[in-house]
Amino acid sequence: MAQHSTHPGASRVRRRALLGTAVLAVLVALAGLAAYLTREGRSPSDTASPPPSSPTASSSPAAPSGPHTRPRALPVPPKTHDPITYGKAAAAALWSYDTRAYSQPELRKALRGWLTTESKYADPASVDQAVPSAVLWKEMAANKQVATAKINEGHFPHAFTQALQDDPGAITQAYVYAVTVSGKQSIRWKGSAAGGAESRSTTLAVQCRPNHSCALVGVMPSVAP
């Protein structure tokens, strides 16, 4: 399926710059991941330990087998303190939709509900880009199109892990973690026998402050290995 087009404006550029600043606050001036971002980092503060790891496989509910299956509910963020677990859930939410069950504005609002309430770090524009445009949604809804996601793996990018090893205190200003997730998106529509599927990968910025559940900061402009 062709990807929906976007038209980035000045506000989106500013938000993307803030996203880059937030993650670079974690990575300091790390050259390996700086190529994916847009601004210089900030100074580190006190020390912090890397967060726990999570299982390497999870999935959203199985793809529906036909147009008469039960519609899927809007995505709800999990309550977790593990950035990898949260990143995998967020990727599944971003790669899934059900045009039979809700409207495009309702999905966009639900996904924005995953964002951190700290507006200086939140990048809603990057989340909006994951939602099909209103015009495309109308066409998909006419065909009762449904997408589901199977998450294969989630991990901290190598450059991020190296940065934490080199300077553990860098994380303690924003508590923003880079998480790369890979999986597969399956799509079905009215009258389709098998539908289609494609592999997906994304790098997300996830905020997990101590004593608070994780929240999404935004979607990185490129995938970090």
Foldseek 3Di string as FASTA:
>chain_A
DDAADDDDDPVLVVLQQLQLALVCLLLQQQPQCNVLGDDHYDDFDDFDDDDDDDDFWDWDDDDDQALPDDFDDAQDQDFDLGQQVRVLSLVQNLLWDWLQPDALVVNLVRSLVQADPPVSQANSVQSNSSGHDNVVSVVQSVFRKTKGWTWRGKDAFPSSVVSCVVGRRSCPPFQKGKMKTKTKMFMDTHPDRGGDMDIDMWIFIWHRDPPGGIGGRHTTPDGGD
